Amino acid sequence: MNFRRLKYFVKIVDIGSLTQAAEVLHIAQPALSQQVATLEGELDQQLLIRTKRGVTPTEAGKILYTHARTILRQCEQAQLAVNNVGQTLRGQVSIGLAPGTAASSVTMPLLQAVRAELPEVLVYLHENSGVVLNDKLLSGQLDMAVLYERSPGGRYYQPAAAERRSLSGGNPGLPWAERGFNGGCGDEPFPSSRL
């Protein structure tokens, strides 16, 4: 599979239209269609259902889309990590916040701490239900999320979340995952093992 074709495929599914995706990607629509056809040929699967109203992924397309998003995100993070060797950390992080969690009291201290400690890191905040955020976290669309407590054995469970405000759930592939982060929420530090 070709990295560029995966990138094109994800953009097409995100937008829902070959024509609009071609405009955004600055590629001719027939050339983009050929890239999709080549990808479908490589996988021996139809990936998109084409209608007059746009395109939607087939079941195989949905599976590829989920994996492709993760692959593209990991490649981006790998490039950032390599580029940041010996330099100030820079990049972006997507954080999901579920209503009814400690999110409202964590948001401003988190943003202030990131701005102070990591000035070249851009933070994107996404507010949605815990179920939606968990799905986005698992699919790689979010780097971390403040979620309701999950049971032990759950993929992103963190026992400390039951005792204090903390970030629970994170993508260990982040370029700064090993460095840790000492932001703060009042007198309570953020955990430094996952950010």
C-alpha atoms as a PDB file:
ATOM      1  CA  MET A   1       0.000   0.000   0.000  1.00  0.00           C
ATOM      2  CA  ASN A   2       1.143   3.456  -0.865  1.00  0.00           C
ATOM      3  CA  PHE A   3       1.225   6.142   1.846  1.00  0.00           C
ATOM      4  CA  ARG A   4      -0.062   8.800  -0.551  1.00  0.00           C
ATOM      5  CA  ARG A   5      -3.021   6.624  -1.583  1.00  0.00           C
ATOM      6  CA  LEU A   6      -3.939   6.094   2.072  1.00  0.00           C
ATOM      7  CA  LYS A   7      -3.802   9.841   2.621  1.00  0.00           C
ATOM      8  CA  TYR A   8      -6.045  10.419  -0.394  1.00  0.00           C
ATOM      9  CA  PHE A   9      -8.475   7.718   0.727  1.00  0.00           C
ATOM     10  CA  VAL A  10      -8.811   9.199   4.230  1.00  0.00           C
ATOM     11  CA  LYS A  11      -9.433  12.669   2.790  1.00  0.00           C
ATOM     12  CA  ILE A  12     -12.116  11.317   0.433  1.00  0.00           C
ATOM     13  CA  VAL A  13     -13.928   9.555   3.286  1.00  0.00           C
ATOM     14  CA  ASP A  14     -13.595  12.611   5.553  1.00  0.00           C
ATOM     15  CA  ILE A  15     -15.121  14.885   2.913  1.00  0.00           C
ATOM     16  CA  GLY A  16     -17.558  12.378   1.401  1.00  0.00           C
ATOM     17  CA  SER A  17     -16.950  13.530  -2.156  1.00  0.00           C
ATOM     18  CA  LEU A  18     -14.312  12.651  -4.742  1.00  0.00           C
ATOM     19  CA  THR A  19     -14.742  16.001  -6.486  1.00  0.00           C
ATOM     20  CA  GLN A  20     -14.367  18.075  -3.316  1.00  0.00           C
ATOM     21  CA  ALA A  21     -11.480  15.916  -2.080  1.00  0.00           C
ATOM     22  CA  ALA A  22      -9.720  16.431  -5.419  1.00  0.00           C
ATOM     23  CA  GLU A  23     -10.056  20.199  -4.987  1.00  0.00           C
ATOM     24  CA  VAL A  24      -8.704  20.105  -1.429  1.00  0.00           C
ATOM     25  CA  LEU A  25      -5.829  17.813  -2.425  1.00  0.00           C
ATOM     26  CA  HIS A  26      -5.042  19.876  -5.549  1.00  0.00           C
ATOM     27  CA  ILE A  27      -5.251  16.849  -7.814  1.00  0.00           C
ATOM     28  CA  ALA A  28      -7.433  16.239 -10.857  1.00  0.00           C
ATOM     29  CA  GLN A  29     -10.554  14.229 -10.033  1.00  0.00           C
ATOM     30  CA  PRO A  30      -9.834  11.505 -12.644  1.00  0.00           C
ATOM     31  CA  ALA A  31      -6.323  11.073 -11.215  1.00  0.00           C
ATOM     32  CA  LEU A  32      -7.769  10.783  -7.699  1.00  0.00           C
ATOM     33  CA  SER A  33     -10.303   8.208  -8.918  1.00  0.00           C
ATOM     34  CA  GLN A  34      -7.420   6.250 -10.449  1.00  0.00           C
ATOM     35  CA  GLN A  35      -5.550   6.294  -7.119  1.00  0.00           C
ATOM     36  CA  VAL A  36      -8.640   4.858  -5.385  1.00  0.00           C
ATOM     37  CA  ALA A  37      -9.044   2.235  -8.119  1.00  0.00           C
ATOM     38  CA  THR A  38      -5.392   1.228  -7.689  1.00  0.00           C
ATOM     39  CA  LEU A  39      -5.861   0.934  -3.918  1.00  0.00           C
ATOM     40  CA  GLU A  40      -9.005  -1.150  -4.429  1.00  0.00           C
ATOM     41  CA  GLY A  41      -7.056  -3.355  -6.854  1.00  0.00           C
ATOM     42  CA  GLU A  42      -4.213  -3.842  -4.380  1.00  0.00           C
ATOM     43  CA  LEU A  43      -6.664  -4.914  -1.689  1.00  0.00           C
ATOM     44  CA  ASP A  44      -9.005  -6.758  -4.055  1.00  0.00           C
ATOM     45  CA  GLN A  45     -11.919  -4.998  -2.325  1.00  0.00           C
ATOM     46  CA  GLN A  46     -14.346  -2.243  -3.221  1.00  0.00           C
ATOM     47  CA  LEU A  47     -13.664   0.536  -0.713  1.00  0.00           C
ATOM     48  CA  LEU A  48     -16.156   3.229  -1.703  1.00  0.00           C
ATOM     49  CA  ILE A  49     -19.779   3.302  -2.760  1.00  0.00           C
ATOM     50  CA  ARG A  50     -20.199   6.044  -5.334  1.00  0.00           C
ATOM     51  CA  THR A  51     -23.562   7.811  -5.667  1.00  0.00           C
ATOM     52  CA  LYS A  52     -24.754  11.090  -7.137  1.00  0.00           C
ATOM     53  CA  ARG A  53     -24.637  12.578  -3.622  1.00  0.00           C
ATOM     54  CA  GLY A  54     -21.041  11.574  -2.932  1.00  0.00           C
ATOM     55  CA  VAL A  55     -19.158   8.565  -1.634  1.00  0.00           C
ATOM     56  CA  THR A  56     -19.414   6.424   1.475  1.00  0.00           C
ATOM     57  CA  PRO A  57     -17.048   3.682   2.581  1.00  0.00           C
ATOM     58  CA  THR A  58     -17.992   0.023   2.258  1.00  0.00           C
ATOM     59  CA  GLU A  59     -17.415  -2.250   5.260  1.00  0.00           C
ATOM     60  CA  ALA A  60     -13.911  -2.941   3.927  1.00  0.00           C
ATOM     61  CA  GLY A  61     -13.496   0.801   3.392  1.00  0.00           C
ATOM     62  CA  LYS A  62     -14.471   1.534   6.999  1.00  0.00           C
ATOM     63  CA  ILE A  63     -11.874  -0.927   8.262  1.00  0.00           C
ATOM     64  CA  LEU A  64      -9.183   0.543   6.006  1.00  0.00           C
ATOM     65  CA  TYR A  65     -10.202   4.083   7.015  1.00  0.00           C
ATOM     66  CA  THR A  66      -9.736   3.316  10.721  1.00  0.00           C
ATOM     67  CA  HIS A  67      -6.326   1.742  10.153  1.00  0.00           C
ATOM     68  CA  ALA A  68      -5.230   4.394   7.652  1.00  0.00           C
ATOM     69  CA  ARG A  69      -6.021   7.233  10.088  1.00  0.00           C
ATOM     70  CA  THR A  70      -3.914   5.518  12.733  1.00  0.00           C
ATOM     71  CA  ILE A  71      -1.061   4.903  10.275  1.00  0.00           C
ATOM     72  CA  LEU A  72      -1.082   8.500   9.033  1.00  0.00           C
ATOM     73  CA  ARG A  73      -1.183   9.877  12.576  1.00  0.00           C
ATOM     74  CA  GLN A  74       1.687   7.622  13.673  1.00  0.00           C
ATOM     75  CA  CYS A  75       3.765   8.638  10.644  1.00  0.00           C
ATOM     76  CA  GLU A  76       3.127  12.300  11.466  1.00  0.00           C
ATOM     77  CA  GLN A  77       4.123  11.704  15.088  1.00  0.00           C
ATOM     78  CA  ALA A  78       7.246   9.801  14.034  1.00  0.00           C
ATOM     79  CA  GLN A  79       8.269  12.672  11.782  1.00  0.00           C
ATOM     80  CA  LEU A  80       7.669  15.169  14.599  1.00  0.00           C
ATOM     81  CA  ALA A  81       9.661  13.036  17.031  1.00  0.00           C
ATOM     82  CA  VAL A  82      12.607  12.775  14.640  1.00  0.00           C
ATOM     83  CA  ASN A  83      12.443  16.479  13.798  1.00  0.00           C
ATOM     84  CA  ASN A  84      12.317  17.377  17.490  1.00  0.00           C
ATOM     85  CA  VAL A  85      15.449  15.482  18.525  1.00  0.00           C
ATOM     86  CA  GLY A  86      17.487  17.969  20.517  1.00  0.00           C
ATOM     87  CA  GLN A  87      14.985  20.744  19.869  1.00  0.00           C
ATOM     88  CA  THR A  88      12.031  22.340  21.511  1.00  0.00           C
ATOM     89  CA  LEU A  89       8.972  20.135  21.262  1.00  0.00           C
ATOM     90  CA  ARG A  90       6.457  21.279  18.687  1.00  0.00           C
ATOM     91  CA  GLY A  91       3.383  19.827  17.097  1.00  0.00           C
ATOM     92  CA  GLN A  92      -0.223  19.342  17.963  1.00  0.00           C
ATOM     93  CA  VAL A  93      -2.228  17.283  20.404  1.00  0.00           C
ATOM     94  CA  SER A  94      -5.954  16.545  20.302  1.00  0.00           C
ATOM     95  CA  ILE A  95      -7.657  16.224  23.677  1.00  0.00           C
ATOM     96  CA  GLY A  96     -11.207  15.020  24.206  1.00  0.00           C
ATOM     97  CA  LEU A  97     -13.213  16.366  27.120  1.00  0.00           C
ATOM     98  CA  ALA A  98     -16.401  14.666  28.297  1.00  0.00           C
ATOM     99  CA  PRO A  99     -19.051  16.876  29.935  1.00  0.00           C
ATOM    100  CA  GLY A 100     -19.541  16.074  33.600  1.00  0.00           C
ATOM    101  CA  THR A 101     -15.924  15.096  34.194  1.00  0.00           C
ATOM    102  CA  ALA A 102     -13.187  17.192  35.700  1.00  0.00           C
ATOM    103  CA  ALA A 103     -12.811  18.661  32.219  1.00  0.00           C
ATOM    104  CA  SER A 104     -14.173  22.091  33.063  1.00  0.00           C
ATOM    105  CA  SER A 105     -11.736  22.578  35.933  1.00  0.00           C
ATOM    106  CA  VAL A 106      -8.819  21.037  34.013  1.00  0.00           C
ATOM    107  CA  THR A 107      -9.134  22.912  30.719  1.00  0.00           C
ATOM    108  CA  MET A 108      -7.713  26.330  31.580  1.00  0.00           C
ATOM    109  CA  PRO A 109      -4.881  25.086  33.838  1.00  0.00           C
ATOM    110  CA  LEU A 110      -3.967  22.547  31.153  1.00  0.00           C
ATOM    111  CA  LEU A 111      -3.867  25.150  28.393  1.00  0.00           C
ATOM    112  CA  GLN A 112      -1.872  27.568  30.565  1.00  0.00           C
ATOM    113  CA  ALA A 113       0.621  24.860  31.519  1.00  0.00           C
ATOM    114  CA  VAL A 114       1.060  23.719  27.908  1.00  0.00           C
ATOM    115  CA  ARG A 115       1.542  27.311  26.758  1.00  0.00           C
ATOM    116  CA  ALA A 116       4.175  27.874  29.480  1.00  0.00           C
ATOM    117  CA  GLU A 117       6.086  24.578  29.157  1.00  0.00           C
ATOM    118  CA  LEU A 118       5.525  23.723  25.499  1.00  0.00           C
ATOM    119  CA  PRO A 119       4.948  26.981  23.622  1.00  0.00           C
ATOM    120  CA  GLU A 120       5.219  25.374  20.186  1.00  0.00           C
ATOM    121  CA  VAL A 121       2.577  22.737  20.913  1.00  0.00           C
ATOM    122  CA  LEU A 122      -0.886  23.467  19.569  1.00  0.00           C
ATOM    123  CA  VAL A 123      -3.743  21.951  21.610  1.00  0.00           C
ATOM    124  CA  TYR A 124      -7.067  21.048  20.004  1.00  0.00           C
ATOM    125  CA  LEU A 125      -9.945  20.477  22.423  1.00  0.00           C
ATOM    126  CA  HIS A 126     -12.929  18.316  21.471  1.00  0.00           C
ATOM    127  CA  GLU A 127     -15.985  18.120  23.735  1.00  0.00           C
ATOM    128  CA  ASN A 128     -18.349  15.198  23.289  1.00  0.00           C
ATOM    129  CA  SER A 129     -19.869  12.264  25.157  1.00  0.00           C
ATOM    130  CA  GLY A 130     -17.543   9.764  26.775  1.00  0.00           C
ATOM    131  CA  VAL A 131     -18.590   7.028  24.348  1.00  0.00           C
ATOM    132  CA  VAL A 132     -17.801   9.161  21.279  1.00  0.00           C
ATOM    133  CA  LEU A 133     -14.501  10.333  22.772  1.00  0.00           C
ATOM    134  CA  ASN A 134     -13.515   6.769  23.664  1.00  0.00           C
ATOM    135  CA  ASP A 135     -14.195   5.659  20.074  1.00  0.00           C
ATOM    136  CA  LYS A 136     -12.153   8.591  18.727  1.00  0.00           C
ATOM    137  CA  LEU A 137      -9.335   7.761  21.158  1.00  0.00           C
ATOM    138  CA  LEU A 138      -9.287   4.117  20.086  1.00  0.00           C
ATOM    139  CA  SER A 139      -9.344   5.053  16.388  1.00  0.00           C
ATOM    140  CA  GLY A 140      -6.433   7.483  16.795  1.00  0.00           C
ATOM    141  CA  GLN A 141      -8.461  10.627  16.116  1.00  0.00           C
ATOM    142  CA  LEU A 142      -7.611  11.884  19.630  1.00  0.00           C
ATOM    143  CA  ASP A 143      -4.299  11.719  21.448  1.00  0.00           C
ATOM    144  CA  MET A 144      -5.862  11.680  24.907  1.00  0.00           C
ATOM    145  CA  ALA A 145      -9.179  12.247  26.641  1.00  0.00           C
ATOM    146  CA  VAL A 146     -10.665  13.086  30.028  1.00  0.00           C
ATOM    147  CA  LEU A 147     -13.281  10.356  30.380  1.00  0.00           C
ATOM    148  CA  TYR A 148     -15.493   8.857  33.021  1.00  0.00           C
ATOM    149  CA  GLU A 149     -13.693   6.260  35.097  1.00  0.00           C
ATOM    150  CA  ARG A 150     -13.444   2.891  33.358  1.00  0.00           C
ATOM    151  CA  SER A 151     -13.198  -0.450  35.044  1.00  0.00           C
ATOM    152  CA  PRO A 152      -9.794  -2.023  35.724  1.00  0.00           C
ATOM    153  CA  GLY A 153      -8.647  -3.903  32.665  1.00  0.00           C
ATOM    154  CA  GLY A 154     -10.140  -1.258  30.382  1.00  0.00           C
ATOM    155  CA  ARG A 155      -7.621  -0.065  27.835  1.00  0.00           C
ATOM    156  CA  TYR A 156      -7.191   3.424  29.281  1.00  0.00           C
ATOM    157  CA  TYR A 157      -8.024   2.919  32.946  1.00  0.00           C
ATOM    158  CA  GLN A 158      -5.981   4.914  35.418  1.00  0.00           C
ATOM    159  CA  PRO A 159      -6.700   4.243  39.119  1.00  0.00           C
ATOM    160  CA  ALA A 160      -5.515   7.719  40.123  1.00  0.00           C
ATOM    161  CA  ALA A 161      -8.448   9.218  38.242  1.00  0.00           C
ATOM    162  CA  ALA A 162     -10.779   8.007  40.982  1.00  0.00           C
ATOM    163  CA  GLU A 163      -8.797   9.820  43.672  1.00  0.00           C
ATOM    164  CA  ARG A 164      -7.798  13.071  42.022  1.00  0.00           C
ATOM    165  CA  ARG A 165      -8.250  15.070  38.881  1.00  0.00           C
ATOM    166  CA  SER A 166      -6.023  13.652  36.227  1.00  0.00           C
ATOM    167  CA  LEU A 167      -5.769  13.033  32.544  1.00  0.00           C
ATOM    168  CA  SER A 168      -6.889   9.538  31.750  1.00  0.00           C
ATOM    169  CA  GLY A 169      -6.332   7.977  28.425  1.00  0.00           C
ATOM    170  CA  GLY A 170      -3.496   8.769  26.153  1.00  0.00           C
ATOM    171  CA  ASN A 171      -1.724   7.741  23.027  1.00  0.00           C
ATOM    172  CA  PRO A 172       1.746   6.471  23.959  1.00  0.00           C
ATOM    173  CA  GLY A 173       2.908   7.301  20.421  1.00  0.00           C
ATOM    174  CA  LEU A 174       3.035  11.021  21.194  1.00  0.00           C
ATOM    175  CA  PRO A 175       6.481  12.497  20.656  1.00  0.00           C
ATOM    176  CA  TRP A 176       6.594  13.829  24.209  1.00  0.00           C
ATOM    177  CA  ALA A 177       5.185  10.681  25.882  1.00  0.00           C
ATOM    178  CA  GLU A 178       8.540   9.705  27.376  1.00  0.00           C
ATOM    179  CA  ARG A 179       9.404  13.211  28.575  1.00  0.00           C
ATOM    180  CA  GLY A 180       6.380  13.584  30.805  1.00  0.00           C
ATOM    181  CA  PHE A 181       4.571  16.772  31.617  1.00  0.00           C
ATOM    182  CA  ASN A 182       4.281  18.637  34.877  1.00  0.00           C
ATOM    183  CA  GLY A 183       1.347  20.914  34.289  1.00  0.00           C
ATOM    184  CA  GLY A 184      -1.043  21.248  37.132  1.00  0.00           C
ATOM    185  CA  CYS A 185      -4.618  21.550  38.222  1.00  0.00           C
ATOM    186  CA  GLY A 186      -4.590  23.581  41.392  1.00  0.00           C
ATOM    187  CA  ASP A 187      -2.356  21.689  43.792  1.00  0.00           C
ATOM    188  CA  GLU A 188      -2.745  18.399  41.973  1.00  0.00           C
ATOM    189  CA  PRO A 189      -0.178  17.550  39.279  1.00  0.00           C
ATOM    190  CA  PHE A 190      -1.073  15.938  35.998  1.00  0.00           C
ATOM    191  CA  PRO A 191       0.330  12.437  35.658  1.00  0.00           C
ATOM    192  CA  SER A 192       3.618  12.606  33.819  1.00  0.00           C
ATOM    193  CA  SER A 193       3.749   9.069  32.476  1.00  0.00           C
ATOM    194  CA  ARG A 194       1.474   9.470  29.477  1.00  0.00           C
ATOM    195  CA  LEU A 195       1.460  13.036  28.115  1.00  0.00           C
END
